Amino acid sequence: MTNALEHTSFRAMGTVCALAANAEDTIFCRRALEAARHEVDACERALSRFDAESDLSRLNRAAGSWVGVDTRLVDALTAALRARADTGGRFDVTILPALAAAGYDRSFELL
């Protein structure tokens, strides 16, 4: 039996995502692709700045109040704050007001 390359592509996070899996079992490949697509969707629900219902958008709107969020957002913010410290502030995810003032207030497709 030969391995079959299964693949799919879709739009998410403002870009085209492409997934591929290779195994002897086609059903296994398709399940792997489905799981990967589910993970990308979950990341978008947690991390998108342009989805008003995402965890990141809800956190930004909360302005200092407690908000329950997905661990993906907690992990991303922890890594981002570590990167800010490690780079002496050259990398800084806390610049939303400056981004909006510069006109980056919607996704690239709409700019």
N, C-alpha and C. Protein backbone atom coordinates (compact mmCIF):
# COMPACT_ATOMS: atom_id res chain seq x y z
N MET A 1 0.85 -1.19 0.00
CA MET A 1 0.00 0.00 0.00
C MET A 1 0.89 1.24 0.00
N THR A 2 0.53 2.24 -0.76
CA THR A 2 1.30 3.48 -0.82
C THR A 2 0.64 4.56 0.03
N ASN A 3 1.48 5.47 0.50
CA ASN A 3 0.95 6.59 1.28
C ASN A 3 0.22 7.56 0.35
N ALA A 4 -0.83 8.13 0.87
CA ALA A 4 -1.60 9.11 0.11
C ALA A 4 -1.45 10.47 0.80
N LEU A 5 -1.16 11.48 0.01
CA LEU A 5 -1.08 12.83 0.54
C LEU A 5 -2.47 13.44 0.48
N GLU A 6 -2.99 13.75 1.63
CA GLU A 6 -4.28 14.44 1.73
C GLU A 6 -3.99 15.90 2.05
N HIS A 7 -4.74 16.82 1.47
CA HIS A 7 -4.48 18.23 1.73
C HIS A 7 -5.78 19.03 1.63
N THR A 8 -5.73 20.19 2.23
CA THR A 8 -6.86 21.12 2.19
C THR A 8 -6.32 22.53 2.39
N SER A 9 -7.09 23.51 2.00
CA SER A 9 -6.73 24.90 2.26
C SER A 9 -8.02 25.67 2.58
N PHE A 10 -7.85 26.76 3.32
CA PHE A 10 -9.00 27.56 3.76
C PHE A 10 -8.48 28.91 4.22
N ARG A 11 -9.37 29.87 4.33
CA ARG A 11 -9.01 31.19 4.83
C ARG A 11 -9.22 31.24 6.34
N ALA A 12 -8.23 31.78 7.03
CA ALA A 12 -8.31 31.99 8.48
C ALA A 12 -7.22 32.97 8.87
N MET A 13 -7.43 33.70 9.94
CA MET A 13 -6.45 34.63 10.48
C MET A 13 -5.92 35.60 9.42
N GLY A 14 -6.77 35.97 8.48
CA GLY A 14 -6.40 36.95 7.48
C GLY A 14 -5.48 36.43 6.39
N THR A 15 -5.40 35.12 6.23
CA THR A 15 -4.52 34.56 5.21
C THR A 15 -5.08 33.23 4.72
N VAL A 16 -4.40 32.62 3.78
CA VAL A 16 -4.77 31.29 3.32
C VAL A 16 -3.94 30.27 4.11
N CYS A 17 -4.61 29.34 4.72
CA CYS A 17 -3.94 28.27 5.46
C CYS A 17 -3.97 27.01 4.60
N ALA A 18 -2.87 26.31 4.56
CA ALA A 18 -2.78 25.05 3.82
C ALA A 18 -2.32 23.96 4.79
N LEU A 19 -3.00 22.83 4.73
CA LEU A 19 -2.67 21.69 5.59
C LEU A 19 -2.45 20.47 4.72
N ALA A 20 -1.53 19.62 5.13
CA ALA A 20 -1.29 18.37 4.40
C ALA A 20 -0.92 17.29 5.41
N ALA A 21 -1.31 16.07 5.10
CA ALA A 21 -0.96 14.90 5.93
C ALA A 21 -0.68 13.74 5.00
N ASN A 22 0.25 12.89 5.40
CA ASN A 22 0.67 11.77 4.57
C ASN A 22 0.75 10.52 5.44
N ALA A 23 -0.03 9.53 5.11
CA ALA A 23 -0.01 8.25 5.83
C ALA A 23 -0.66 7.19 4.95
N GLU A 24 -0.48 5.94 5.32
CA GLU A 24 -1.12 4.87 4.56
C GLU A 24 -2.63 4.90 4.69
N ASP A 25 -3.10 5.33 5.83
CA ASP A 25 -4.54 5.32 6.12
C ASP A 25 -5.16 6.67 5.75
N THR A 26 -5.92 6.70 4.67
CA THR A 26 -6.55 7.93 4.21
C THR A 26 -7.49 8.51 5.26
N ILE A 27 -8.22 7.66 5.95
CA ILE A 27 -9.14 8.14 6.99
C ILE A 27 -8.36 8.81 8.10
N PHE A 28 -7.22 8.23 8.49
CA PHE A 28 -6.36 8.83 9.51
C PHE A 28 -5.91 10.22 9.05
N CYS A 29 -5.49 10.33 7.79
CA CYS A 29 -5.07 11.63 7.25
C CYS A 29 -6.19 12.65 7.33
N ARG A 30 -7.35 12.26 6.93
CA ARG A 30 -8.49 13.19 6.94
C ARG A 30 -8.84 13.62 8.36
N ARG A 31 -8.75 12.70 9.30
CA ARG A 31 -9.01 13.06 10.70
C ARG A 31 -7.95 14.01 11.22
N ALA A 32 -6.70 13.79 10.81
CA ALA A 32 -5.62 14.69 11.22
C ALA A 32 -5.85 16.09 10.66
N LEU A 33 -6.25 16.18 9.40
CA LEU A 33 -6.54 17.47 8.80
C LEU A 33 -7.72 18.16 9.49
N GLU A 34 -8.72 17.39 9.83
CA GLU A 34 -9.88 17.94 10.54
C GLU A 34 -9.46 18.48 11.91
N ALA A 35 -8.61 17.74 12.61
CA ALA A 35 -8.13 18.19 13.93
C ALA A 35 -7.29 19.45 13.79
N ALA A 36 -6.45 19.51 12.76
CA ALA A 36 -5.63 20.70 12.54
C ALA A 36 -6.50 21.91 12.21
N ARG A 37 -7.50 21.71 11.38
CA ARG A 37 -8.41 22.81 11.04
C ARG A 37 -9.16 23.28 12.29
N HIS A 38 -9.56 22.35 13.13
CA HIS A 38 -10.23 22.70 14.39
C HIS A 38 -9.30 23.56 15.26
N GLU A 39 -8.02 23.21 15.31
CA GLU A 39 -7.07 23.98 16.11
C GLU A 39 -6.88 25.39 15.56
N VAL A 40 -6.78 25.53 14.25
CA VAL A 40 -6.66 26.86 13.64
C VAL A 40 -7.90 27.69 13.96
N ASP A 41 -9.07 27.08 13.85
CA ASP A 41 -10.32 27.79 14.17
C ASP A 41 -10.33 28.22 15.64
N ALA A 42 -9.87 27.35 16.52
CA ALA A 42 -9.84 27.68 17.95
C ALA A 42 -8.86 28.83 18.21
N CYS A 43 -7.73 28.81 17.53
CA CYS A 43 -6.76 29.91 17.67
C CYS A 43 -7.37 31.22 17.21
N GLU A 44 -8.08 31.18 16.09
CA GLU A 44 -8.71 32.40 15.60
C GLU A 44 -9.76 32.92 16.57
N ARG A 45 -10.56 32.02 17.14
CA ARG A 45 -11.57 32.44 18.12
C ARG A 45 -10.93 33.07 19.35
N ALA A 46 -9.75 32.63 19.71
CA ALA A 46 -9.08 33.16 20.89
C ALA A 46 -8.25 34.41 20.58
N LEU A 47 -7.60 34.46 19.44
CA LEU A 47 -6.54 35.44 19.21
C LEU A 47 -6.84 36.55 18.22
N SER A 48 -7.95 36.49 17.50
CA SER A 48 -8.21 37.48 16.46
C SER A 48 -8.55 38.85 17.04
N ARG A 49 -7.85 39.86 16.55
CA ARG A 49 -8.13 41.24 16.95
C ARG A 49 -9.32 41.79 16.19
N PHE A 50 -9.70 41.14 15.08
CA PHE A 50 -10.75 41.68 14.23
C PHE A 50 -12.08 40.96 14.35
N ASP A 51 -12.17 39.98 15.22
CA ASP A 51 -13.42 39.31 15.54
C ASP A 51 -13.88 39.84 16.88
N ALA A 52 -14.98 40.58 16.89
CA ALA A 52 -15.44 41.23 18.12
C ALA A 52 -15.75 40.24 19.24
N GLU A 53 -15.97 38.98 18.90
CA GLU A 53 -16.30 37.97 19.91
C GLU A 53 -15.08 37.15 20.35
N SER A 54 -13.91 37.40 19.76
CA SER A 54 -12.72 36.63 20.15
C SER A 54 -12.33 36.97 21.59
N ASP A 55 -11.59 36.07 22.19
CA ASP A 55 -11.12 36.31 23.56
C ASP A 55 -10.26 37.57 23.63
N LEU A 56 -9.40 37.78 22.64
CA LEU A 56 -8.55 38.97 22.64
C LEU A 56 -9.39 40.24 22.57
N SER A 57 -10.40 40.26 21.71
CA SER A 57 -11.25 41.45 21.60
C SER A 57 -12.02 41.69 22.90
N ARG A 58 -12.52 40.62 23.49
CA ARG A 58 -13.24 40.77 24.76
C ARG A 58 -12.29 41.29 25.85
N LEU A 59 -11.06 40.79 25.87
CA LEU A 59 -10.09 41.25 26.85
C LEU A 59 -9.76 42.72 26.63
N ASN A 60 -9.55 43.12 25.38
CA ASN A 60 -9.26 44.53 25.09
C ASN A 60 -10.40 45.44 25.53
N ARG A 61 -11.64 44.99 25.31
CA ARG A 61 -12.80 45.81 25.72
C ARG A 61 -12.96 45.88 27.22
N ALA A 62 -12.48 44.89 27.95
CA ALA A 62 -12.69 44.83 29.40
C ALA A 62 -11.90 45.89 30.16
N ALA A 63 -10.87 46.44 29.56
CA ALA A 63 -10.10 47.54 30.14
C ALA A 63 -9.74 47.33 31.61
N GLY A 64 -9.09 46.22 31.91
CA GLY A 64 -8.62 45.97 33.26
C GLY A 64 -9.51 45.10 34.11
N SER A 65 -10.69 44.78 33.65
CA SER A 65 -11.59 43.90 34.40
C SER A 65 -11.20 42.44 34.12
N TRP A 66 -11.57 41.56 35.03
CA TRP A 66 -11.31 40.13 34.85
C TRP A 66 -12.17 39.58 33.72
N VAL A 67 -11.56 38.78 32.86
CA VAL A 67 -12.25 38.15 31.74
C VAL A 67 -11.73 36.72 31.61
N GLY A 68 -12.63 35.77 31.51
CA GLY A 68 -12.21 34.39 31.27
C GLY A 68 -11.82 34.22 29.81
N VAL A 69 -10.62 33.66 29.58
CA VAL A 69 -10.14 33.47 28.21
C VAL A 69 -9.54 32.07 28.05
N ASP A 70 -9.42 31.67 26.81
CA ASP A 70 -8.81 30.40 26.44
C ASP A 70 -7.32 30.40 26.81
N THR A 71 -6.80 29.23 27.15
CA THR A 71 -5.38 29.13 27.49
C THR A 71 -4.48 29.52 26.31
N ARG A 72 -4.97 29.42 25.10
CA ARG A 72 -4.18 29.84 23.94
C ARG A 72 -3.82 31.32 24.04
N LEU A 73 -4.76 32.14 24.47
CA LEU A 73 -4.50 33.56 24.62
C LEU A 73 -3.55 33.81 25.78
N VAL A 74 -3.75 33.13 26.89
CA VAL A 74 -2.84 33.28 28.03
C VAL A 74 -1.42 32.91 27.62
N ASP A 75 -1.26 31.80 26.92
CA ASP A 75 0.06 31.36 26.48
C ASP A 75 0.68 32.36 25.50
N ALA A 76 -0.12 32.87 24.57
CA ALA A 76 0.39 33.84 23.59
C ALA A 76 0.82 35.13 24.28
N LEU A 77 0.03 35.61 25.22
CA LEU A 77 0.38 36.84 25.93
C LEU A 77 1.60 36.64 26.82
N THR A 78 1.71 35.49 27.45
CA THR A 78 2.89 35.19 28.26
C THR A 78 4.14 35.20 27.40
N ALA A 79 4.08 34.56 26.23
CA ALA A 79 5.23 34.54 25.32
C ALA A 79 5.54 35.95 24.82
N ALA A 80 4.50 36.73 24.51
CA ALA A 80 4.70 38.08 24.00
C ALA A 80 5.34 39.00 25.05
N LEU A 81 4.89 38.88 26.29
CA LEU A 81 5.47 39.70 27.35
C LEU A 81 6.92 39.29 27.64
N ARG A 82 7.20 38.00 27.51
CA ARG A 82 8.57 37.53 27.66
C ARG A 82 9.44 38.08 26.53
N ALA A 83 8.91 38.09 25.31
CA ALA A 83 9.65 38.63 24.16
C ALA A 83 9.90 40.12 24.34
N ARG A 84 8.93 40.83 24.90
CA ARG A 84 9.14 42.26 25.15
C ARG A 84 10.28 42.47 26.13
N ALA A 85 10.29 41.67 27.20
CA ALA A 85 11.37 41.78 28.19
C ALA A 85 12.72 41.38 27.58
N ASP A 86 12.73 40.29 26.81
CA ASP A 86 13.98 39.80 26.21
C ASP A 86 14.56 40.75 25.17
N THR A 87 13.70 41.55 24.53
CA THR A 87 14.17 42.47 23.48
C THR A 87 14.29 43.90 23.97
N GLY A 88 14.14 44.10 25.26
CA GLY A 88 14.22 45.46 25.79
C GLY A 88 13.13 46.36 25.26
N GLY A 89 11.98 45.79 24.93
CA GLY A 89 10.84 46.57 24.46
C GLY A 89 10.78 46.74 22.94
N ARG A 90 11.75 46.20 22.21
CA ARG A 90 11.71 46.33 20.74
C ARG A 90 10.53 45.56 20.14
N PHE A 91 10.14 44.48 20.81
CA PHE A 91 8.94 43.72 20.43
C PHE A 91 7.91 44.01 21.51
N ASP A 92 6.76 44.56 21.13
CA ASP A 92 5.77 44.95 22.14
C ASP A 92 4.36 44.79 21.59
N VAL A 93 3.60 43.88 22.17
CA VAL A 93 2.23 43.64 21.72
C VAL A 93 1.23 44.59 22.35
N THR A 94 1.69 45.47 23.21
CA THR A 94 0.76 46.36 23.91
C THR A 94 0.61 47.71 23.20
N ILE A 95 0.64 47.70 21.88
CA ILE A 95 0.62 48.95 21.12
C ILE A 95 -0.68 49.14 20.33
N LEU A 96 -1.77 48.53 20.79
CA LEU A 96 -3.03 48.63 20.05
C LEU A 96 -3.43 50.08 19.75
N PRO A 97 -3.38 51.01 20.70
CA PRO A 97 -3.77 52.39 20.36
C PRO A 97 -2.93 52.98 19.23
N ALA A 98 -1.64 52.69 19.20
CA ALA A 98 -0.78 53.22 18.13
C ALA A 98 -1.12 52.57 16.79
N LEU A 99 -1.42 51.28 16.80
CA LEU A 99 -1.82 50.61 15.56
C LEU A 99 -3.11 51.20 15.00
N ALA A 100 -4.09 51.38 15.86
CA ALA A 100 -5.36 51.95 15.43
C ALA A 100 -5.18 53.38 14.92
N ALA A 101 -4.36 54.16 15.61
CA ALA A 101 -4.11 55.54 15.18
C ALA A 101 -3.41 55.59 13.83
N ALA A 102 -2.61 54.57 13.52
CA ALA A 102 -1.92 54.51 12.24
C ALA A 102 -2.82 53.98 11.12
N GLY A 103 -4.05 53.61 11.47
CA GLY A 103 -5.00 53.14 10.46
C GLY A 103 -5.14 51.64 10.36
N TYR A 104 -4.39 50.91 11.17
CA TYR A 104 -4.50 49.44 11.15
C TYR A 104 -5.59 49.03 12.13
N ASP A 105 -6.83 49.33 11.72
CA ASP A 105 -7.98 49.08 12.59
C ASP A 105 -8.92 48.04 12.02
N ARG A 106 -8.49 47.36 10.95
CA ARG A 106 -9.28 46.28 10.34
C ARG A 106 -8.31 45.33 9.65
N SER A 107 -8.80 44.19 9.24
CA SER A 107 -7.92 43.18 8.67
C SER A 107 -7.33 43.66 7.34
N PHE A 108 -6.22 43.02 6.94
CA PHE A 108 -5.52 43.42 5.72
C PHE A 108 -6.42 43.39 4.50
N GLU A 109 -7.35 42.42 4.43
CA GLU A 109 -8.23 42.35 3.26
C GLU A 109 -9.06 43.61 3.10
N LEU A 110 -9.33 44.31 4.18
CA LEU A 110 -10.19 45.49 4.14
C LEU A 110 -9.41 46.80 4.04
N LEU A 111 -8.10 46.74 4.21
CA LEU A 111 -7.29 47.97 4.15
C LEU A 111 -7.09 48.42 2.71
